[in-house]
Full PDB file with SEQRES, HELIX, SHEET, SSBOND, CRYST1, ORIGX, SCALE, CONECT and MASTER records, all heavy atoms in Angstrom:
SEQRES   1 A   31  VAL GLN MET TYR LEU SER LEU ALA MET GLY SER THR GLU          
SEQRES   2 A   31  CYS VAL LEU LEU ALA VAL MET ALA TYR ASP ARG TYR VAL          
SEQRES   3 A   31  ALA ILE CYS HIS PRO                                          
HELIX    1 AA1 GLN A    2  CYS A   29  1                                  28    
CRYST1    1.000    1.000    1.000  90.00  90.00  90.00 P 1           1          
ORIGX1      1.000000  0.000000  0.000000        0.00000                         
ORIGX2      0.000000  1.000000  0.000000        0.00000                         
ORIGX3      0.000000  0.000000  1.000000        0.00000                         
SCALE1      1.000000  0.000000  0.000000        0.00000                         
SCALE2      0.000000  1.000000  0.000000        0.00000                         
SCALE3      0.000000  0.000000  1.000000        0.00000                         
ATOM      1  N   VAL A   1       0.843  -1.207   0.000  1.00  0.00           N  
ATOM      2  CA  VAL A   1       0.000   0.000   0.000  1.00  0.00           C  
ATOM      3  C   VAL A   1       0.871   1.247   0.000  1.00  0.00           C  
ATOM      4  O   VAL A   1       0.607   2.212  -0.732  1.00  0.00           O  
ATOM      5  CB  VAL A   1      -0.958   0.002   1.214  1.00  0.00           C  
ATOM      6  CG1 VAL A   1      -1.637   1.361   1.366  1.00  0.00           C  
ATOM      7  CG2 VAL A   1      -2.004  -1.094   1.069  1.00  0.00           C  
ATOM      8  N   GLN A   2       1.908   1.222   0.807  1.00  0.00           N  
ATOM      9  CA  GLN A   2       2.832   2.354   0.874  1.00  0.00           C  
ATOM     10  C   GLN A   2       3.511   2.578  -0.471  1.00  0.00           C  
ATOM     11  O   GLN A   2       3.631   3.721  -0.952  1.00  0.00           O  
ATOM     12  CB  GLN A   2       3.879   2.092   1.959  1.00  0.00           C  
ATOM     13  CG  GLN A   2       4.764   3.269   2.273  1.00  0.00           C  
ATOM     14  CD  GLN A   2       5.764   2.941   3.375  1.00  0.00           C  
ATOM     15  OE1 GLN A   2       6.791   2.335   3.119  1.00  0.00           O  
ATOM     16  NE2 GLN A   2       5.438   3.332   4.597  1.00  0.00           N  
ATOM     17  N   MET A   3       3.940   1.494  -1.121  1.00  0.00           N  
ATOM     18  CA  MET A   3       4.563   1.595  -2.432  1.00  0.00           C  
ATOM     19  C   MET A   3       3.595   2.190  -3.447  1.00  0.00           C  
ATOM     20  O   MET A   3       3.955   3.107  -4.206  1.00  0.00           O  
ATOM     21  CB  MET A   3       5.021   0.213  -2.913  1.00  0.00           C  
ATOM     22  CG  MET A   3       5.682   0.225  -4.290  1.00  0.00           C  
ATOM     23  SD  MET A   3       5.959  -1.446  -4.943  1.00  0.00           S  
ATOM     24  CE  MET A   3       7.123  -2.094  -3.751  1.00  0.00           C  
ATOM     25  N   TYR A   4       2.363   1.685  -3.449  1.00  0.00           N  
ATOM     26  CA  TYR A   4       1.370   2.162  -4.422  1.00  0.00           C  
ATOM     27  C   TYR A   4       1.056   3.644  -4.222  1.00  0.00           C  
ATOM     28  O   TYR A   4       1.039   4.429  -5.185  1.00  0.00           O  
ATOM     29  CB  TYR A   4       0.083   1.350  -4.328  1.00  0.00           C  
ATOM     30  CG  TYR A   4      -1.014   1.937  -5.182  1.00  0.00           C  
ATOM     31  CD1 TYR A   4      -1.009   1.761  -6.562  1.00  0.00           C  
ATOM     32  CD2 TYR A   4      -2.032   2.702  -4.616  1.00  0.00           C  
ATOM     33  CE1 TYR A   4      -1.995   2.327  -7.362  1.00  0.00           C  
ATOM     34  CE2 TYR A   4      -3.018   3.269  -5.401  1.00  0.00           C  
ATOM     35  CZ  TYR A   4      -2.999   3.083  -6.774  1.00  0.00           C  
ATOM     36  OH  TYR A   4      -3.962   3.664  -7.553  1.00  0.00           O  
ATOM     37  N   LEU A   5       0.797   4.053  -2.982  1.00  0.00           N  
ATOM     38  CA  LEU A   5       0.435   5.451  -2.726  1.00  0.00           C  
ATOM     39  C   LEU A   5       1.565   6.400  -3.094  1.00  0.00           C  
ATOM     40  O   LEU A   5       1.329   7.461  -3.680  1.00  0.00           O  
ATOM     41  CB  LEU A   5       0.053   5.625  -1.256  1.00  0.00           C  
ATOM     42  CG  LEU A   5      -1.287   5.017  -0.829  1.00  0.00           C  
ATOM     43  CD1 LEU A   5      -1.493   5.174   0.670  1.00  0.00           C  
ATOM     44  CD2 LEU A   5      -2.443   5.656  -1.597  1.00  0.00           C  
ATOM     45  N   SER A   6       2.791   6.015  -2.765  1.00  0.00           N  
ATOM     46  CA  SER A   6       3.930   6.867  -3.102  1.00  0.00           C  
ATOM     47  C   SER A   6       4.080   7.005  -4.617  1.00  0.00           C  
ATOM     48  O   SER A   6       4.293   8.106  -5.135  1.00  0.00           O  
ATOM     49  CB  SER A   6       5.216   6.296  -2.495  1.00  0.00           C  
ATOM     50  OG  SER A   6       5.152   6.278  -1.089  1.00  0.00           O  
ATOM     51  N   LEU A   7       3.962   5.882  -5.329  1.00  0.00           N  
ATOM     52  CA  LEU A   7       4.058   5.921  -6.790  1.00  0.00           C  
ATOM     53  C   LEU A   7       2.902   6.707  -7.400  1.00  0.00           C  
ATOM     54  O   LEU A   7       3.104   7.513  -8.322  1.00  0.00           O  
ATOM     55  CB  LEU A   7       4.068   4.500  -7.357  1.00  0.00           C  
ATOM     56  CG  LEU A   7       5.340   3.676  -7.147  1.00  0.00           C  
ATOM     57  CD1 LEU A   7       5.093   2.227  -7.543  1.00  0.00           C  
ATOM     58  CD2 LEU A   7       6.505   4.249  -7.936  1.00  0.00           C  
ATOM     59  N   ALA A   8       1.691   6.492  -6.899  1.00  0.00           N  
ATOM     60  CA  ALA A   8       0.515   7.156  -7.457  1.00  0.00           C  
ATOM     61  C   ALA A   8       0.579   8.662  -7.265  1.00  0.00           C  
ATOM     62  O   ALA A   8       0.342   9.442  -8.203  1.00  0.00           O  
ATOM     63  CB  ALA A   8      -0.754   6.593  -6.815  1.00  0.00           C  
ATOM     64  N   MET A   9       0.923   9.102  -6.048  1.00  0.00           N  
ATOM     65  CA  MET A   9       0.972  10.542  -5.787  1.00  0.00           C  
ATOM     66  C   MET A   9       2.126  11.204  -6.534  1.00  0.00           C  
ATOM     67  O   MET A   9       1.990  12.297  -7.097  1.00  0.00           O  
ATOM     68  CB  MET A   9       1.116  10.800  -4.283  1.00  0.00           C  
ATOM     69  CG  MET A   9      -0.075  10.333  -3.451  1.00  0.00           C  
ATOM     70  SD  MET A   9      -1.660  11.026  -3.969  1.00  0.00           S  
ATOM     71  CE  MET A   9      -2.386   9.597  -4.795  1.00  0.00           C  
ATOM     72  N   GLY A  10       3.279  10.534  -6.573  1.00  0.00           N  
ATOM     73  CA  GLY A  10       4.425  11.091  -7.293  1.00  0.00           C  
ATOM     74  C   GLY A  10       4.174  11.189  -8.783  1.00  0.00           C  
ATOM     75  O   GLY A  10       4.500  12.199  -9.425  1.00  0.00           O  
ATOM     76  N   SER A  11       3.559  10.142  -9.364  1.00  0.00           N  
ATOM     77  CA  SER A  11       3.277  10.137 -10.801  1.00  0.00           C  
ATOM     78  C   SER A  11       2.221  11.184 -11.148  1.00  0.00           C  
ATOM     79  O   SER A  11       2.335  11.881 -12.165  1.00  0.00           O  
ATOM     80  CB  SER A  11       2.797   8.748 -11.235  1.00  0.00           C  
ATOM     81  OG  SER A  11       3.770   7.760 -10.957  1.00  0.00           O  
ATOM     82  N   THR A  12       1.198  11.286 -10.315  1.00  0.00           N  
ATOM     83  CA  THR A  12       0.144  12.276 -10.552  1.00  0.00           C  
ATOM     84  C   THR A  12       0.701  13.691 -10.519  1.00  0.00           C  
ATOM     85  O   THR A  12       0.324  14.546 -11.332  1.00  0.00           O  
ATOM     86  CB  THR A  12      -0.971  12.128  -9.506  1.00  0.00           C  
ATOM     87  OG1 THR A  12      -1.492  10.802  -9.541  1.00  0.00           O  
ATOM     88  CG2 THR A  12      -2.107  13.106  -9.776  1.00  0.00           C  
ATOM     89  N   GLU A  13       1.625  13.935  -9.598  1.00  0.00           N  
ATOM     90  CA  GLU A  13       2.201  15.275  -9.489  1.00  0.00           C  
ATOM     91  C   GLU A  13       3.006  15.638 -10.736  1.00  0.00           C  
ATOM     92  O   GLU A  13       2.993  16.796 -11.170  1.00  0.00           O  
ATOM     93  CB  GLU A  13       3.075  15.377  -8.241  1.00  0.00           C  
ATOM     94  CG  GLU A  13       3.566  16.791  -7.973  1.00  0.00           C  
ATOM     95  CD  GLU A  13       3.976  17.016  -6.537  1.00  0.00           C  
ATOM     96  OE1 GLU A  13       3.617  16.212  -5.662  1.00  0.00           O  
ATOM     97  OE2 GLU A  13       4.673  18.027  -6.285  1.00  0.00           O  
ATOM     98  N   CYS A  14       3.695  14.668 -11.316  1.00  0.00           N  
ATOM     99  CA  CYS A  14       4.440  14.937 -12.559  1.00  0.00           C  
ATOM    100  C   CYS A  14       3.516  15.463 -13.650  1.00  0.00           C  
ATOM    101  O   CYS A  14       3.821  16.447 -14.328  1.00  0.00           O  
ATOM    102  CB  CYS A  14       5.130  13.661 -13.048  1.00  0.00           C  
ATOM    103  SG  CYS A  14       6.522  13.108 -12.046  1.00  0.00           S  
ATOM    104  N   VAL A  15       2.374  14.783 -13.818  1.00  0.00           N  
ATOM    105  CA  VAL A  15       1.423  15.190 -14.851  1.00  0.00           C  
ATOM    106  C   VAL A  15       0.766  16.515 -14.490  1.00  0.00           C  
ATOM    107  O   VAL A  15       0.593  17.399 -15.342  1.00  0.00           O  
ATOM    108  CB  VAL A  15       0.346  14.102 -15.054  1.00  0.00           C  
ATOM    109  CG1 VAL A  15      -0.625  14.496 -16.166  1.00  0.00           C  
ATOM    110  CG2 VAL A  15       0.996  12.759 -15.382  1.00  0.00           C  
ATOM    111  N   LEU A  16       0.416  16.685 -13.217  1.00  0.00           N  
ATOM    112  CA  LEU A  16      -0.261  17.912 -12.794  1.00  0.00           C  
ATOM    113  C   LEU A  16       0.619  19.143 -12.971  1.00  0.00           C  
ATOM    114  O   LEU A  16       0.127  20.219 -13.334  1.00  0.00           O  
ATOM    115  CB  LEU A  16      -0.701  17.794 -11.336  1.00  0.00           C  
ATOM    116  CG  LEU A  16      -1.557  18.955 -10.816  1.00  0.00           C  
ATOM    117  CD1 LEU A  16      -2.905  18.999 -11.531  1.00  0.00           C  
ATOM    118  CD2 LEU A  16      -1.766  18.864  -9.315  1.00  0.00           C  
ATOM    119  N   LEU A  17       1.911  19.012 -12.734  1.00  0.00           N  
ATOM    120  CA  LEU A  17       2.808  20.157 -12.921  1.00  0.00           C  
ATOM    121  C   LEU A  17       2.866  20.575 -14.387  1.00  0.00           C  
ATOM    122  O   LEU A  17       2.981  21.770 -14.695  1.00  0.00           O  
ATOM    123  CB  LEU A  17       4.211  19.805 -12.413  1.00  0.00           C  
ATOM    124  CG  LEU A  17       4.358  19.727 -10.887  1.00  0.00           C  
ATOM    125  CD1 LEU A  17       5.744  19.230 -10.504  1.00  0.00           C  
ATOM    126  CD2 LEU A  17       4.099  21.088 -10.240  1.00  0.00           C  
ATOM    127  N   ALA A  18       2.752  19.595 -15.301  1.00  0.00           N  
ATOM    128  CA  ALA A  18       2.685  19.934 -16.727  1.00  0.00           C  
ATOM    129  C   ALA A  18       1.370  20.636 -17.053  1.00  0.00           C  
ATOM    130  O   ALA A  18       1.329  21.590 -17.840  1.00  0.00           O  
ATOM    131  CB  ALA A  18       2.828  18.667 -17.573  1.00  0.00           C  
ATOM    132  N   VAL A  19       0.287  20.187 -16.428  1.00  0.00           N  
ATOM    133  CA  VAL A  19      -1.024  20.830 -16.612  1.00  0.00           C  
ATOM    134  C   VAL A  19      -0.990  22.272 -16.097  1.00  0.00           C  
ATOM    135  O   VAL A  19      -1.525  23.192 -16.737  1.00  0.00           O  
ATOM    136  CB  VAL A  19      -2.114  20.023 -15.881  1.00  0.00           C  
ATOM    137  CG1 VAL A  19      -3.426  20.818 -15.812  1.00  0.00           C  
ATOM    138  CG2 VAL A  19      -2.346  18.685 -16.576  1.00  0.00           C  
ATOM    139  N   MET A  20      -0.340  22.481 -14.973  1.00  0.00           N  
ATOM    140  CA  MET A  20      -0.239  23.833 -14.399  1.00  0.00           C  
ATOM    141  C   MET A  20       0.602  24.744 -15.292  1.00  0.00           C  
ATOM    142  O   MET A  20       0.347  25.949 -15.375  1.00  0.00           O  
ATOM    143  CB  MET A  20       0.343  23.751 -12.986  1.00  0.00           C  
ATOM    144  CG  MET A  20      -0.575  23.047 -12.000  1.00  0.00           C  
ATOM    145  SD  MET A  20       0.168  22.779 -10.373  1.00  0.00           S  
ATOM    146  CE  MET A  20       0.103  24.437  -9.694  1.00  0.00           C  
ATOM    147  N   ALA A  21       1.611  24.182 -15.954  1.00  0.00           N  
ATOM    148  CA  ALA A  21       2.411  24.974 -16.892  1.00  0.00           C  
ATOM    149  C   ALA A  21       1.550  25.401 -18.077  1.00  0.00           C  
ATOM    150  O   ALA A  21       1.650  26.547 -18.555  1.00  0.00           O  
ATOM    151  CB  ALA A  21       3.613  24.162 -17.379  1.00  0.00           C  
ATOM    152  N   TYR A  22       0.689  24.504 -18.555  1.00  0.00           N  
ATOM    153  CA  TYR A  22      -0.223  24.855 -19.651  1.00  0.00           C  
ATOM    154  C   TYR A  22      -1.186  25.947 -19.215  1.00  0.00           C  
ATOM    155  O   TYR A  22      -1.491  26.875 -19.987  1.00  0.00           O  
ATOM    156  CB  TYR A  22      -0.993  23.615 -20.103  1.00  0.00           C  
ATOM    157  CG  TYR A  22      -2.033  23.914 -21.166  1.00  0.00           C  
ATOM    158  CD1 TYR A  22      -1.658  24.163 -22.481  1.00  0.00           C  
ATOM    159  CD2 TYR A  22      -3.395  23.961 -20.837  1.00  0.00           C  
ATOM    160  CE1 TYR A  22      -2.616  24.451 -23.456  1.00  0.00           C  
ATOM    161  CE2 TYR A  22      -4.347  24.250 -21.805  1.00  0.00           C  
ATOM    162  CZ  TYR A  22      -3.952  24.493 -23.103  1.00  0.00           C  
ATOM    163  OH  TYR A  22      -4.897  24.792 -24.057  1.00  0.00           O  
ATOM    164  N   ASP A  23      -1.666  25.864 -17.985  1.00  0.00           N  
ATOM    165  CA  ASP A  23      -2.555  26.901 -17.447  1.00  0.00           C  
ATOM    166  C   ASP A  23      -1.874  28.264 -17.462  1.00  0.00           C  
ATOM    167  O   ASP A  23      -2.475  29.282 -17.849  1.00  0.00           O  
ATOM    168  CB  ASP A  23      -2.971  26.534 -16.020  1.00  0.00           C  
ATOM    169  CG  ASP A  23      -3.710  27.656 -15.314  1.00  0.00           C  
ATOM    170  OD1 ASP A  23      -4.844  27.967 -15.731  1.00  0.00           O  
ATOM    171  OD2 ASP A  23      -3.148  28.227 -14.362  1.00  0.00           O  
ATOM    172  N   ARG A  24      -0.600  28.315 -17.071  1.00  0.00           N  
ATOM    173  CA  ARG A  24       0.142  29.588 -17.085  1.00  0.00           C  
ATOM    174  C   ARG A  24       0.373  30.064 -18.526  1.00  0.00           C  
ATOM    175  O   ARG A  24       0.351  31.274 -18.802  1.00  0.00           O  
ATOM    176  CB  ARG A  24       1.488  29.421 -16.377  1.00  0.00           C  
ATOM    177  CG  ARG A  24       1.401  29.167 -14.879  1.00  0.00           C  
ATOM    178  CD  ARG A  24       0.757  30.330 -14.121  1.00  0.00           C  
ATOM    179  NE  ARG A  24      -0.707  30.258 -14.144  1.00  0.00           N  
ATOM    180  CZ  ARG A  24      -1.520  31.282 -14.033  1.00  0.00           C  
ATOM    181  NH1 ARG A  24      -1.017  32.500 -13.919  1.00  0.00           N  
ATOM    182  NH2 ARG A  24      -2.827  31.140 -14.055  1.00  0.00           N  
ATOM    183  N   TYR A  25       0.590  29.126 -19.431  1.00  0.00           N  
ATOM    184  CA  TYR A  25       0.768  29.474 -20.846  1.00  0.00           C  
ATOM    185  C   TYR A  25      -0.485  30.160 -21.391  1.00  0.00           C  
ATOM    186  O   TYR A  25      -0.406  31.205 -22.039  1.00  0.00           O  
ATOM    187  CB  TYR A  25       1.089  28.219 -21.654  1.00  0.00           C  
ATOM    188  CG  TYR A  25       0.773  28.330 -23.121  1.00  0.00           C  
ATOM    189  CD1 TYR A  25       1.573  29.089 -23.973  1.00  0.00           C  
ATOM    190  CD2 TYR A  25      -0.350  27.688 -23.658  1.00  0.00           C  
ATOM    191  CE1 TYR A  25       1.263  29.208 -25.326  1.00  0.00           C  
ATOM    192  CE2 TYR A  25      -0.656  27.795 -25.003  1.00  0.00           C  
ATOM    193  CZ  TYR A  25       0.149  28.562 -25.838  1.00  0.00           C  
ATOM    194  OH  TYR A  25      -0.168  28.686 -27.164  1.00  0.00           O  
ATOM    195  N   VAL A  26      -1.644  29.572 -21.130  1.00  0.00           N  
ATOM    196  CA  VAL A  26      -2.892  30.155 -21.624  1.00  0.00           C  
ATOM    197  C   VAL A  26      -3.135  31.512 -20.964  1.00  0.00           C  
ATOM    198  O   VAL A  26      -3.558  32.473 -21.632  1.00  0.00           O  
ATOM    199  CB  VAL A  26      -4.078  29.208 -21.361  1.00  0.00           C  
ATOM    200  CG1 VAL A  26      -5.388  29.855 -21.813  1.00  0.00           C  
ATOM    201  CG2 VAL A  26      -3.875  27.883 -22.080  1.00  0.00           C  
ATOM    202  N   ALA A  27      -2.868  31.611 -19.662  1.00  0.00           N  
ATOM    203  CA  ALA A  27      -3.115  32.852 -18.933  1.00  0.00           C  
ATOM    204  C   ALA A  27      -2.282  34.016 -19.458  1.00  0.00           C  
ATOM    205  O   ALA A  27      -2.758  35.151 -19.534  1.00  0.00           O  
ATOM    206  CB  ALA A  27      -2.835  32.644 -17.446  1.00  0.00           C  
ATOM    207  N   ILE A  28      -1.045  33.746 -19.834  1.00  0.00           N  
ATOM    208  CA  ILE A  28      -0.139  34.815 -20.249  1.00  0.00           C  
ATOM    209  C   ILE A  28      -0.151  35.033 -21.761  1.00  0.00           C  
ATOM    210  O   ILE A  28      -0.136  36.174 -22.239  1.00  0.00           O  
ATOM    211  CB  ILE A  28       1.294  34.508 -19.762  1.00  0.00           C  
ATOM    212  CG1 ILE A  28       1.341  34.598 -18.229  1.00  0.00           C  
ATOM    213  CG2 ILE A  28       2.314  35.462 -20.377  1.00  0.00           C  
ATOM    214  CD1 ILE A  28       2.646  34.200 -17.621  1.00  0.00           C  
ATOM    215  N   CYS A  29      -0.224  33.955 -22.518  1.00  0.00           N  
ATOM    216  CA  CYS A  29      -0.158  34.073 -23.981  1.00  0.00           C  
ATOM    217  C   CYS A  29      -1.524  34.333 -24.613  1.00  0.00           C  
ATOM    218  O   CYS A  29      -1.598  34.898 -25.712  1.00  0.00           O  
ATOM    219  CB  CYS A  29       0.463  32.816 -24.589  1.00  0.00           C  
ATOM    220  SG  CYS A  29       2.150  32.492 -24.028  1.00  0.00           S  
ATOM    221  N   HIS A  30      -2.605  33.929 -23.938  1.00  0.00           N  
ATOM    222  CA  HIS A  30      -3.957  34.135 -24.480  1.00  0.00           C  
ATOM    223  C   HIS A  30      -4.880  34.646 -23.369  1.00  0.00           C  
ATOM    224  O   HIS A  30      -5.881  33.992 -23.036  1.00  0.00           O  
ATOM    225  CB  HIS A  30      -4.501  32.837 -25.069  1.00  0.00           C  
ATOM    226  CG  HIS A  30      -3.621  32.230 -26.114  1.00  0.00           C  
ATOM    227  ND1 HIS A  30      -3.561  32.711 -27.414  1.00  0.00           N  
ATOM    228  CD2 HIS A  30      -2.747  31.194 -26.050  1.00  0.00           C  
ATOM    229  CE1 HIS A  30      -2.695  31.989 -28.103  1.00  0.00           C  
ATOM    230  NE2 HIS A  30      -2.184  31.064 -27.302  1.00  0.00           N  
ATOM    231  N   PRO A  31      -4.560  35.791 -22.777  1.00  0.00           N  
ATOM    232  CA  PRO A  31      -5.320  36.265 -21.600  1.00  0.00           C  
ATOM    233  C   PRO A  31      -6.797  36.525 -21.878  1.00  0.00           C  
ATOM    234  O   PRO A  31      -7.632  36.293 -20.995  1.00  0.00           O  
ATOM    235  CB  PRO A  31      -4.586  37.550 -21.210  1.00  0.00           C  
ATOM    236  CG  PRO A  31      -3.879  37.984 -22.447  1.00  0.00           C  
ATOM    237  CD  PRO A  31      -3.494  36.729 -23.154  1.00  0.00           C  
TER     238      PRO A  31                                                      
MASTER        0    0    0    1    0    0    0    6  237    1    0    3          
END                                                                             
């Protein structure tokens, strides 16, 4: 369970940080 939760949260954060970068791109480049 510990292995799964650590992998799941870490992997999700990788994708979410890319999503947040896209959000900043739209906010600044297409306000």
